[in-house]
Amino acid sequence: LEEKRQGEAEFLDYLEQRLRENAGWDAVARELLDPNAADPVSAKAAYFLTSRLTGGDRAAQLDSITVAVSSALFGVQMQCAKCHDHPTVGDWKQENYYGLAAFFAGTYTEKGKTNLPALAERAGEVKFAGRNTGERTARLLFLDGKVIDAKAGRRRALIGAGVTADGPYFKRAMANRMWKQFTGVGLVE
């Protein structure tokens, strides 16, 4: 039998509970990105990010988080833009990939009050090198190209930029997921 990682069973319980409560997808997304360690329900959501902060070096961890968040919450596959501007999607530049990764640069795992992994944040930056640009420090750049100010914390700033009523990425991603659940195939596969 496959052993579950610390926090995985609690995370599955969290998802079931939030679905039973008919929580909005925006509320769930906010908790996935910035769970409240003091709240026994929300604290379980930390597994979404903490599970990606294990193993590998820091670059691999940031890559895992960036790819998971861009895909699961915003419906965008950013992997190709990690090494170079995307070859077929003109909107996805290397700067976009690292701009999204920068929201998680200071995120780390600590032991929570309930012995489950919890998230914390400290100062951090992401550096990357483009083919013709040399090494640069990534700005907090959301997918729509807006540079974000993160006075209240980077993950909270990402929520403010992306999990909004008028932000197209989150809405489209959730609509596509529901469509796929009901019809067996997403509007975009």
N, C-alpha and C. Protein backbone atom coordinates (compact mmCIF):
# COMPACT_ATOMS: atom_id res chain seq x y z
N LEU A 1 0.83 -1.19 0.00
CA LEU A 1 0.00 0.00 0.00
C LEU A 1 0.87 1.25 0.00
N GLU A 2 0.42 2.24 -0.75
CA GLU A 2 1.16 3.49 -0.83
C GLU A 2 0.89 4.33 0.42
N GLU A 3 1.96 4.81 1.03
CA GLU A 3 1.82 5.61 2.24
C GLU A 3 1.52 7.06 1.87
N LYS A 4 0.55 7.65 2.56
CA LYS A 4 0.21 9.05 2.30
C LYS A 4 1.23 9.95 2.99
N ARG A 5 1.51 11.07 2.34
CA ARG A 5 2.44 12.04 2.91
C ARG A 5 1.75 12.82 4.02
N GLN A 6 2.55 13.41 4.90
CA GLN A 6 2.01 14.17 6.02
C GLN A 6 1.11 15.29 5.51
N GLY A 7 -0.12 15.29 5.95
CA GLY A 7 -1.08 16.31 5.58
C GLY A 7 -1.98 15.94 4.42
N GLU A 8 -1.65 14.87 3.70
CA GLU A 8 -2.44 14.51 2.51
C GLU A 8 -3.86 14.09 2.88
N ALA A 9 -4.03 13.24 3.88
CA ALA A 9 -5.38 12.81 4.28
C ALA A 9 -6.20 14.00 4.78
N GLU A 10 -5.57 14.88 5.53
CA GLU A 10 -6.27 16.07 6.02
C GLU A 10 -6.66 17.00 4.86
N PHE A 11 -5.81 17.07 3.86
CA PHE A 11 -6.11 17.89 2.68
C PHE A 11 -7.33 17.33 1.95
N LEU A 12 -7.39 16.03 1.78
CA LEU A 12 -8.54 15.42 1.13
C LEU A 12 -9.81 15.66 1.96
N ASP A 13 -9.70 15.57 3.29
CA ASP A 13 -10.83 15.89 4.17
C ASP A 13 -11.26 17.36 3.98
N TYR A 14 -10.27 18.25 3.90
CA TYR A 14 -10.55 19.67 3.67
C TYR A 14 -11.35 19.87 2.39
N LEU A 15 -10.90 19.25 1.30
CA LEU A 15 -11.61 19.41 0.03
C LEU A 15 -13.04 18.88 0.12
N GLU A 16 -13.21 17.72 0.72
CA GLU A 16 -14.57 17.17 0.89
C GLU A 16 -15.44 18.10 1.72
N GLN A 17 -14.90 18.62 2.80
CA GLN A 17 -15.66 19.52 3.66
C GLN A 17 -16.06 20.79 2.92
N ARG A 18 -15.12 21.39 2.20
CA ARG A 18 -15.42 22.64 1.47
C ARG A 18 -16.46 22.39 0.38
N LEU A 19 -16.43 21.20 -0.26
CA LEU A 19 -17.45 20.87 -1.26
C LEU A 19 -18.81 20.67 -0.60
N ARG A 20 -18.84 19.98 0.54
CA ARG A 20 -20.11 19.79 1.27
C ARG A 20 -20.70 21.12 1.69
N GLU A 21 -19.84 22.06 2.07
CA GLU A 21 -20.29 23.38 2.51
C GLU A 21 -20.66 24.29 1.34
N ASN A 22 -20.46 23.79 0.12
CA ASN A 22 -20.73 24.57 -1.09
C ASN A 22 -19.91 25.86 -1.12
N ALA A 23 -18.67 25.76 -0.67
CA ALA A 23 -17.76 26.92 -0.69
C ALA A 23 -17.49 27.31 -2.14
N GLY A 24 -17.38 28.59 -2.39
CA GLY A 24 -17.06 29.06 -3.73
C GLY A 24 -15.64 28.68 -4.12
N TRP A 25 -15.43 28.50 -5.43
CA TRP A 25 -14.08 28.16 -5.90
C TRP A 25 -13.09 29.26 -5.57
N ASP A 26 -13.56 30.51 -5.54
CA ASP A 26 -12.66 31.60 -5.19
C ASP A 26 -12.21 31.49 -3.73
N ALA A 27 -13.11 31.10 -2.83
CA ALA A 27 -12.75 30.93 -1.43
C ALA A 27 -11.74 29.79 -1.27
N VAL A 28 -11.97 28.69 -1.98
CA VAL A 28 -11.05 27.56 -1.92
C VAL A 28 -9.68 27.97 -2.46
N ALA A 29 -9.65 28.67 -3.58
CA ALA A 29 -8.38 29.11 -4.17
C ALA A 29 -7.63 30.02 -3.21
N ARG A 30 -8.35 30.93 -2.54
CA ARG A 30 -7.68 31.81 -1.56
C ARG A 30 -7.05 30.99 -0.44
N GLU A 31 -7.77 29.97 0.03
CA GLU A 31 -7.23 29.14 1.11
C GLU A 31 -6.06 28.28 0.62
N LEU A 32 -6.10 27.83 -0.62
CA LEU A 32 -4.98 27.05 -1.14
C LEU A 32 -3.71 27.88 -1.23
N LEU A 33 -3.86 29.14 -1.60
CA LEU A 33 -2.70 30.01 -1.77
C LEU A 33 -2.22 30.64 -0.46
N ASP A 34 -3.15 30.89 0.45
CA ASP A 34 -2.78 31.55 1.71
C ASP A 34 -3.62 31.01 2.85
N PRO A 35 -3.38 29.75 3.24
CA PRO A 35 -4.17 29.15 4.30
C PRO A 35 -3.88 29.80 5.66
N ASN A 36 -4.90 29.83 6.49
CA ASN A 36 -4.77 30.39 7.83
C ASN A 36 -4.43 29.26 8.79
N ALA A 37 -3.22 29.23 9.29
CA ALA A 37 -2.76 28.15 10.17
C ALA A 37 -3.54 28.11 11.48
N ALA A 38 -4.17 29.22 11.88
CA ALA A 38 -4.93 29.26 13.12
C ALA A 38 -6.34 28.69 12.95
N ASP A 39 -6.79 28.57 11.73
CA ASP A 39 -8.13 28.03 11.45
C ASP A 39 -8.00 26.53 11.16
N PRO A 40 -8.67 25.68 11.95
CA PRO A 40 -8.50 24.24 11.77
C PRO A 40 -8.91 23.72 10.39
N VAL A 41 -9.83 24.38 9.72
CA VAL A 41 -10.23 23.95 8.38
C VAL A 41 -9.24 24.45 7.34
N SER A 42 -9.02 25.75 7.33
CA SER A 42 -8.13 26.37 6.34
C SER A 42 -6.70 25.84 6.44
N ALA A 43 -6.26 25.52 7.64
CA ALA A 43 -4.88 25.05 7.83
C ALA A 43 -4.59 23.80 7.00
N LYS A 44 -5.60 22.98 6.77
CA LYS A 44 -5.42 21.75 6.00
C LYS A 44 -5.13 22.03 4.53
N ALA A 45 -5.51 23.21 4.04
CA ALA A 45 -5.29 23.58 2.64
C ALA A 45 -3.81 23.82 2.34
N ALA A 46 -3.00 24.00 3.37
CA ALA A 46 -1.57 24.26 3.17
C ALA A 46 -0.89 23.15 2.39
N TYR A 47 -1.44 21.96 2.43
CA TYR A 47 -0.83 20.82 1.75
C TYR A 47 -0.66 21.07 0.26
N PHE A 48 -1.56 21.83 -0.35
CA PHE A 48 -1.47 22.11 -1.79
C PHE A 48 -0.09 22.68 -2.14
N LEU A 49 0.41 23.60 -1.34
CA LEU A 49 1.73 24.18 -1.60
C LEU A 49 2.86 23.46 -0.86
N THR A 50 2.62 23.05 0.39
CA THR A 50 3.71 22.42 1.15
C THR A 50 4.16 21.11 0.51
N SER A 51 3.25 20.40 -0.13
CA SER A 51 3.64 19.14 -0.78
C SER A 51 4.61 19.38 -1.93
N ARG A 52 4.65 20.59 -2.42
CA ARG A 52 5.55 20.93 -3.52
C ARG A 52 6.85 21.53 -3.02
N LEU A 53 6.95 21.72 -1.73
CA LEU A 53 8.16 22.27 -1.11
C LEU A 53 9.01 21.20 -0.45
N THR A 54 8.83 19.96 -0.88
CA THR A 54 9.62 18.86 -0.34
C THR A 54 10.47 18.27 -1.45
N GLY A 55 11.64 17.82 -1.09
CA GLY A 55 12.53 17.18 -2.06
C GLY A 55 13.07 18.16 -3.08
N GLY A 56 14.16 17.79 -3.70
CA GLY A 56 14.77 18.63 -4.72
C GLY A 56 15.37 19.90 -4.14
N ASP A 57 15.98 20.67 -5.01
CA ASP A 57 16.54 21.94 -4.56
C ASP A 57 15.47 23.02 -4.64
N ARG A 58 15.82 24.22 -4.24
CA ARG A 58 14.86 25.33 -4.19
C ARG A 58 14.30 25.64 -5.58
N ALA A 59 15.13 25.56 -6.60
CA ALA A 59 14.66 25.83 -7.97
C ALA A 59 13.60 24.82 -8.38
N ALA A 60 13.80 23.55 -8.05
CA ALA A 60 12.81 22.52 -8.38
C ALA A 60 11.52 22.73 -7.61
N GLN A 61 11.62 23.15 -6.36
CA GLN A 61 10.42 23.42 -5.56
C GLN A 61 9.63 24.59 -6.14
N LEU A 62 10.33 25.66 -6.50
CA LEU A 62 9.64 26.81 -7.09
C LEU A 62 9.01 26.45 -8.42
N ASP A 63 9.69 25.62 -9.20
CA ASP A 63 9.13 25.17 -10.47
C ASP A 63 7.85 24.37 -10.22
N SER A 64 7.87 23.48 -9.24
CA SER A 64 6.71 22.66 -8.93
C SER A 64 5.52 23.52 -8.52
N ILE A 65 5.75 24.50 -7.68
CA ILE A 65 4.67 25.40 -7.25
C ILE A 65 4.16 26.23 -8.41
N THR A 66 5.06 26.80 -9.19
CA THR A 66 4.66 27.66 -10.30
C THR A 66 3.81 26.91 -11.31
N VAL A 67 4.24 25.73 -11.68
CA VAL A 67 3.51 24.93 -12.66
C VAL A 67 2.15 24.51 -12.10
N ALA A 68 2.12 24.09 -10.83
CA ALA A 68 0.86 23.65 -10.22
C ALA A 68 -0.14 24.80 -10.12
N VAL A 69 0.29 25.95 -9.66
CA VAL A 69 -0.61 27.09 -9.49
C VAL A 69 -1.08 27.61 -10.84
N SER A 70 -0.16 27.76 -11.79
CA SER A 70 -0.57 28.29 -13.10
C SER A 70 -1.57 27.36 -13.78
N SER A 71 -1.35 26.07 -13.65
CA SER A 71 -2.23 25.09 -14.29
C SER A 71 -3.55 24.92 -13.54
N ALA A 72 -3.47 24.61 -12.25
CA ALA A 72 -4.67 24.28 -11.48
C ALA A 72 -5.58 25.48 -11.24
N LEU A 73 -5.01 26.64 -10.97
CA LEU A 73 -5.84 27.79 -10.60
C LEU A 73 -6.06 28.79 -11.72
N PHE A 74 -5.16 28.83 -12.69
CA PHE A 74 -5.30 29.83 -13.74
C PHE A 74 -5.43 29.23 -15.14
N GLY A 75 -5.36 27.90 -15.24
CA GLY A 75 -5.59 27.23 -16.52
C GLY A 75 -4.54 27.51 -17.57
N VAL A 76 -3.32 27.78 -17.15
CA VAL A 76 -2.26 28.16 -18.08
C VAL A 76 -1.07 27.22 -17.90
N GLN A 77 -0.56 26.69 -18.99
CA GLN A 77 0.63 25.84 -18.95
C GLN A 77 1.84 26.72 -19.23
N MET A 78 2.63 26.98 -18.19
CA MET A 78 3.76 27.91 -18.30
C MET A 78 5.11 27.23 -18.45
N GLN A 79 5.16 25.89 -18.42
CA GLN A 79 6.44 25.18 -18.39
C GLN A 79 7.38 25.61 -19.51
N CYS A 80 6.86 25.78 -20.72
CA CYS A 80 7.73 26.12 -21.85
C CYS A 80 8.42 27.47 -21.68
N ALA A 81 7.81 28.35 -20.90
CA ALA A 81 8.39 29.68 -20.73
C ALA A 81 9.47 29.73 -19.65
N LYS A 82 9.74 28.60 -19.03
CA LYS A 82 10.79 28.59 -18.00
C LYS A 82 12.16 28.84 -18.63
N CYS A 83 12.43 28.20 -19.72
CA CYS A 83 13.75 28.28 -20.33
C CYS A 83 13.85 29.34 -21.43
N HIS A 84 12.72 29.70 -22.02
CA HIS A 84 12.71 30.64 -23.14
C HIS A 84 11.30 31.14 -23.35
N ASP A 85 11.14 32.19 -24.11
CA ASP A 85 9.79 32.64 -24.46
C ASP A 85 9.08 31.49 -25.15
N HIS A 86 7.78 31.36 -24.89
CA HIS A 86 7.01 30.24 -25.43
C HIS A 86 7.06 30.28 -26.96
N PRO A 87 7.32 29.14 -27.60
CA PRO A 87 7.49 29.13 -29.06
C PRO A 87 6.20 29.36 -29.85
N THR A 88 5.03 29.02 -29.26
CA THR A 88 3.78 29.16 -30.03
C THR A 88 2.77 30.09 -29.41
N VAL A 89 2.96 30.50 -28.16
CA VAL A 89 2.03 31.41 -27.50
C VAL A 89 2.78 32.71 -27.22
N GLY A 90 2.52 33.70 -28.03
CA GLY A 90 3.25 34.96 -27.94
C GLY A 90 3.13 35.68 -26.62
N ASP A 91 2.02 35.44 -25.89
CA ASP A 91 1.81 36.13 -24.61
C ASP A 91 2.71 35.60 -23.49
N TRP A 92 3.22 34.38 -23.64
CA TRP A 92 3.98 33.78 -22.55
C TRP A 92 5.48 33.94 -22.79
N LYS A 93 6.02 34.87 -22.06
CA LYS A 93 7.45 35.15 -22.11
C LYS A 93 8.11 34.53 -20.88
N GLN A 94 9.40 34.38 -20.94
CA GLN A 94 10.14 33.86 -19.81
C GLN A 94 9.90 34.74 -18.58
N GLU A 95 9.78 36.02 -18.80
CA GLU A 95 9.52 36.95 -17.70
C GLU A 95 8.19 36.64 -17.01
N ASN A 96 7.18 36.16 -17.75
CA ASN A 96 5.91 35.79 -17.14
C ASN A 96 6.05 34.59 -16.21
N TYR A 97 6.80 33.59 -16.66
CA TYR A 97 7.00 32.40 -15.83
C TYR A 97 7.68 32.79 -14.51
N TYR A 98 8.79 33.50 -14.60
CA TYR A 98 9.53 33.86 -13.39
C TYR A 98 8.81 34.92 -12.57
N GLY A 99 7.98 35.73 -13.21
CA GLY A 99 7.15 36.69 -12.47
C GLY A 99 6.15 35.98 -11.58
N LEU A 100 5.57 34.88 -12.09
CA LEU A 100 4.66 34.08 -11.28
C LEU A 100 5.43 33.35 -10.18
N ALA A 101 6.60 32.80 -10.51
CA ALA A 101 7.43 32.11 -9.51
C ALA A 101 7.82 33.06 -8.38
N ALA A 102 8.02 34.33 -8.69
CA ALA A 102 8.45 35.31 -7.69
C ALA A 102 7.44 35.47 -6.56
N PHE A 103 6.16 35.19 -6.82
CA PHE A 103 5.16 35.27 -5.76
C PHE A 103 5.44 34.24 -4.65
N PHE A 104 6.19 33.19 -4.98
CA PHE A 104 6.46 32.12 -4.02
C PHE A 104 7.92 32.08 -3.56
N ALA A 105 8.70 33.07 -3.95
CA ALA A 105 10.14 33.07 -3.66
C ALA A 105 10.45 32.97 -2.17
N GLY A 106 9.64 33.57 -1.32
CA GLY A 106 9.89 33.54 0.11
C GLY A 106 9.05 32.54 0.87
N THR A 107 8.27 31.73 0.17
CA THR A 107 7.40 30.76 0.82
C THR A 107 8.20 29.56 1.29
N TYR A 108 7.97 29.16 2.52
CA TYR A 108 8.62 27.97 3.05
C TYR A 108 7.67 27.25 3.99
N THR A 109 8.02 26.01 4.33
CA THR A 109 7.21 25.18 5.21
C THR A 109 7.75 25.23 6.62
N GLU A 110 6.83 25.32 7.57
CA GLU A 110 7.18 25.21 8.97
C GLU A 110 6.15 24.31 9.65
N LYS A 111 6.46 23.87 10.84
CA LYS A 111 5.53 23.01 11.58
C LYS A 111 4.38 23.86 12.09
N GLY A 112 3.17 23.44 11.78
CA GLY A 112 1.99 24.17 12.21
C GLY A 112 1.59 23.82 13.63
N LYS A 113 0.60 24.51 14.12
CA LYS A 113 0.12 24.30 15.49
C LYS A 113 -0.53 22.93 15.66
N THR A 114 -1.00 22.35 14.58
CA THR A 114 -1.68 21.06 14.65
C THR A 114 -0.77 19.92 14.19
N ASN A 115 0.51 20.17 14.14
CA ASN A 115 1.52 19.21 13.66
C ASN A 115 1.40 18.93 12.17
N LEU A 116 0.56 19.66 11.48
CA LEU A 116 0.52 19.58 10.02
C LEU A 116 1.48 20.62 9.48
N PRO A 117 2.00 20.41 8.28
CA PRO A 117 2.86 21.44 7.69
C PRO A 117 2.08 22.74 7.50
N ALA A 118 2.73 23.84 7.75
CA ALA A 118 2.13 25.16 7.57
C ALA A 118 3.04 25.97 6.66
N LEU A 119 2.52 27.06 6.14
CA LEU A 119 3.29 27.93 5.25
C LEU A 119 3.69 29.20 5.98
N ALA A 120 4.85 29.68 5.66
CA ALA A 120 5.32 30.96 6.16
C ALA A 120 5.98 31.68 4.99
N GLU A 121 6.28 32.95 5.21
CA GLU A 121 6.86 33.74 4.12
C GLU A 121 7.95 34.64 4.69
N ARG A 122 9.02 34.75 3.94
CA ARG A 122 10.12 35.64 4.28
C ARG A 122 10.56 36.33 2.99
N ALA A 123 11.49 37.22 3.12
CA ALA A 123 12.02 37.89 1.92
C ALA A 123 12.67 36.85 1.01
N GLY A 124 12.55 37.05 -0.25
CA GLY A 124 13.16 36.15 -1.22
C GLY A 124 13.02 36.72 -2.61
N GLU A 125 13.89 36.29 -3.47
CA GLU A 125 13.81 36.75 -4.85
C GLU A 125 14.15 35.60 -5.78
N VAL A 126 13.75 35.77 -7.02
CA VAL A 126 14.01 34.77 -8.05
C VAL A 126 14.85 35.44 -9.12
N LYS A 127 15.96 34.80 -9.45
CA LYS A 127 16.81 35.30 -10.53
C LYS A 127 16.72 34.33 -11.70
N PHE A 128 16.80 34.88 -12.90
CA PHE A 128 16.77 34.05 -14.09
C PHE A 128 17.61 34.70 -15.18
N ALA A 129 18.03 33.88 -16.11
CA ALA A 129 18.85 34.38 -17.22
C ALA A 129 18.14 34.10 -18.52
N GLY A 130 17.94 35.14 -19.30
CA GLY A 130 17.37 34.99 -20.63
C GLY A 130 18.46 34.73 -21.64
N ARG A 131 18.05 34.33 -22.82
CA ARG A 131 19.04 34.01 -23.86
C ARG A 131 19.90 35.21 -24.23
N ASN A 132 19.30 36.37 -24.31
CA ASN A 132 20.06 37.55 -24.74
C ASN A 132 20.07 38.66 -23.70
N THR A 133 19.58 38.37 -22.49
CA THR A 133 19.42 39.46 -21.52
C THR A 133 20.33 39.37 -20.31
N GLY A 134 20.99 38.25 -20.10
CA GLY A 134 21.79 38.08 -18.90
C GLY A 134 20.91 37.85 -17.69
N GLU A 135 21.53 37.78 -16.52
CA GLU A 135 20.77 37.49 -15.31
C GLU A 135 19.94 38.69 -14.88
N ARG A 136 18.69 38.39 -14.49
CA ARG A 136 17.77 39.42 -14.02
C ARG A 136 17.05 38.92 -12.78
N THR A 137 16.56 39.86 -11.99
CA THR A 137 15.72 39.53 -10.84
C THR A 137 14.27 39.66 -11.29
N ALA A 138 13.48 38.61 -11.04
CA ALA A 138 12.08 38.60 -11.46
C ALA A 138 11.27 39.59 -10.65
N ARG A 139 10.40 40.30 -11.37
CA ARG A 139 9.43 41.17 -10.72
C ARG A 139 8.18 40.34 -10.44
N LEU A 140 7.38 40.76 -9.46
CA LEU A 140 6.09 40.11 -9.24
C LEU A 140 5.20 40.51 -10.41
N LEU A 141 5.03 39.60 -11.32
CA LEU A 141 4.34 39.89 -12.57
C LEU A 141 3.22 38.87 -12.75
N PHE A 142 1.98 39.35 -12.76
CA PHE A 142 0.88 38.43 -12.97
C PHE A 142 0.75 38.11 -14.46
N LEU A 143 -0.05 37.11 -14.77
CA LEU A 143 -0.18 36.62 -16.13
C LEU A 143 -0.67 37.67 -17.12
N ASP A 144 -1.41 38.65 -16.63
CA ASP A 144 -1.92 39.70 -17.51
C ASP A 144 -0.89 40.79 -17.81
N GLY A 145 0.33 40.61 -17.28
CA GLY A 145 1.41 41.57 -17.54
C GLY A 145 1.52 42.68 -16.52
N LYS A 146 0.63 42.71 -15.52
CA LYS A 146 0.69 43.76 -14.51
C LYS A 146 1.74 43.42 -13.45
N VAL A 147 2.57 44.42 -13.14
CA VAL A 147 3.54 44.29 -12.06
C VAL A 147 2.79 44.59 -10.76
N ILE A 148 3.00 43.75 -9.77
CA ILE A 148 2.22 43.81 -8.54
C ILE A 148 3.09 44.28 -7.38
N ASP A 149 2.50 45.10 -6.50
CA ASP A 149 3.15 45.54 -5.27
C ASP A 149 2.69 44.60 -4.17
N ALA A 150 3.61 44.06 -3.40
CA ALA A 150 3.28 43.03 -2.41
C ALA A 150 3.52 43.48 -0.98
N LYS A 151 2.92 44.57 -0.58
CA LYS A 151 3.12 45.05 0.79
C LYS A 151 2.49 44.12 1.82
N ALA A 152 1.41 43.45 1.46
CA ALA A 152 0.69 42.59 2.41
C ALA A 152 1.11 41.12 2.30
N GLY A 153 2.16 40.83 1.61
CA GLY A 153 2.60 39.45 1.43
C GLY A 153 2.42 39.04 -0.02
N ARG A 154 3.36 38.25 -0.50
CA ARG A 154 3.37 37.89 -1.92
C ARG A 154 2.21 37.00 -2.32
N ARG A 155 1.90 35.99 -1.52
CA ARG A 155 0.79 35.11 -1.90
C ARG A 155 -0.53 35.86 -1.84
N ARG A 156 -0.69 36.75 -0.88
CA ARG A 156 -1.91 37.58 -0.82
C ARG A 156 -1.99 38.50 -2.03
N ALA A 157 -0.86 39.01 -2.45
CA ALA A 157 -0.84 39.87 -3.64
C ALA A 157 -1.25 39.07 -4.88
N LEU A 158 -0.82 37.82 -4.97
CA LEU A 158 -1.23 36.96 -6.08
C LEU A 158 -2.73 36.74 -6.06
N ILE A 159 -3.29 36.52 -4.88
CA ILE A 159 -4.74 36.35 -4.76
C ILE A 159 -5.43 37.62 -5.26
N GLY A 160 -4.95 38.77 -4.83
CA GLY A 160 -5.56 40.03 -5.25
C GLY A 160 -5.47 40.27 -6.75
N ALA A 161 -4.40 39.78 -7.35
CA ALA A 161 -4.22 39.98 -8.79
C ALA A 161 -4.98 38.95 -9.62
N GLY A 162 -5.11 37.72 -9.11
CA GLY A 162 -5.62 36.66 -9.96
C GLY A 162 -6.93 36.02 -9.59
N VAL A 163 -7.28 36.01 -8.30
CA VAL A 163 -8.52 35.37 -7.87
C VAL A 163 -9.54 36.47 -7.63
N THR A 164 -9.98 37.07 -8.74
CA THR A 164 -10.89 38.21 -8.69
C THR A 164 -12.07 37.98 -9.62
N ALA A 165 -13.13 38.74 -9.37
CA ALA A 165 -14.34 38.61 -10.19
C ALA A 165 -14.10 39.03 -11.64
N ASP A 166 -13.19 39.97 -11.85
CA ASP A 166 -12.97 40.44 -13.22
C ASP A 166 -11.72 39.87 -13.87
N GLY A 167 -10.97 39.04 -13.14
CA GLY A 167 -9.77 38.42 -13.70
C GLY A 167 -10.12 37.23 -14.57
N PRO A 168 -9.70 37.23 -15.81
CA PRO A 168 -10.16 36.19 -16.74
C PRO A 168 -9.55 34.81 -16.51
N TYR A 169 -8.35 34.71 -16.01
CA TYR A 169 -7.68 33.41 -15.94
C TYR A 169 -8.36 32.46 -14.97
N PHE A 170 -8.63 32.93 -13.77
CA PHE A 170 -9.25 32.08 -12.77
C PHE A 170 -10.66 31.65 -13.21
N LYS A 171 -11.44 32.60 -13.68
CA LYS A 171 -12.82 32.28 -14.12
C LYS A 171 -12.82 31.23 -15.22
N ARG A 172 -11.98 31.43 -16.21
CA ARG A 172 -11.93 30.48 -17.33
C ARG A 172 -11.47 29.10 -16.88
N ALA A 173 -10.48 29.06 -16.01
CA ALA A 173 -9.96 27.77 -15.53
C ALA A 173 -11.05 27.00 -14.78
N MET A 174 -11.79 27.69 -13.92
CA MET A 174 -12.83 27.00 -13.15
C MET A 174 -13.99 26.58 -14.06
N ALA A 175 -14.37 27.43 -15.00
CA ALA A 175 -15.45 27.07 -15.94
C ALA A 175 -15.03 25.85 -16.77
N ASN A 176 -13.80 25.82 -17.20
CA ASN A 176 -13.30 24.68 -17.99
C ASN A 176 -13.31 23.40 -17.16
N ARG A 177 -12.91 23.50 -15.90
CA ARG A 177 -12.92 22.31 -15.03
C ARG A 177 -14.34 21.78 -14.83
N MET A 178 -15.29 22.68 -14.62
CA MET A 178 -16.68 22.24 -14.43
C MET A 178 -17.23 21.63 -15.73
N TRP A 179 -16.94 22.26 -16.84
CA TRP A 179 -17.39 21.73 -18.13
C TRP A 179 -16.85 20.32 -18.34
N LYS A 180 -15.59 20.13 -18.04
CA LYS A 180 -14.98 18.81 -18.19
C LYS A 180 -15.62 17.80 -17.25
N GLN A 181 -15.92 18.22 -16.03
CA GLN A 181 -16.55 17.32 -15.07
C GLN A 181 -17.92 16.86 -15.57
N PHE A 182 -18.67 17.78 -16.17
CA PHE A 182 -20.03 17.46 -16.62
C PHE A 182 -20.08 16.75 -17.97
N THR A 183 -19.16 17.06 -18.85
CA THR A 183 -19.24 16.51 -20.21
C THR A 183 -18.14 15.49 -20.52
N GLY A 184 -17.13 15.42 -19.68
CA GLY A 184 -16.06 14.47 -19.92
C GLY A 184 -14.91 15.04 -20.71
N VAL A 185 -15.09 16.21 -21.29
CA VAL A 185 -14.02 16.86 -22.04
C VAL A 185 -14.12 18.36 -21.81
N GLY A 186 -12.97 18.98 -21.57
CA GLY A 186 -12.98 20.41 -21.31
C GLY A 186 -13.16 21.21 -22.60
N LEU A 187 -13.56 22.46 -22.43
CA LEU A 187 -13.64 23.36 -23.58
C LEU A 187 -12.26 23.51 -24.19
N VAL A 188 -11.25 23.53 -23.32
CA VAL A 188 -9.86 23.58 -23.74
C VAL A 188 -9.17 22.38 -23.10
N GLU A 189 -8.54 21.54 -23.90
CA GLU A 189 -7.83 20.37 -23.37
C GLU A 189 -6.34 20.60 -23.48
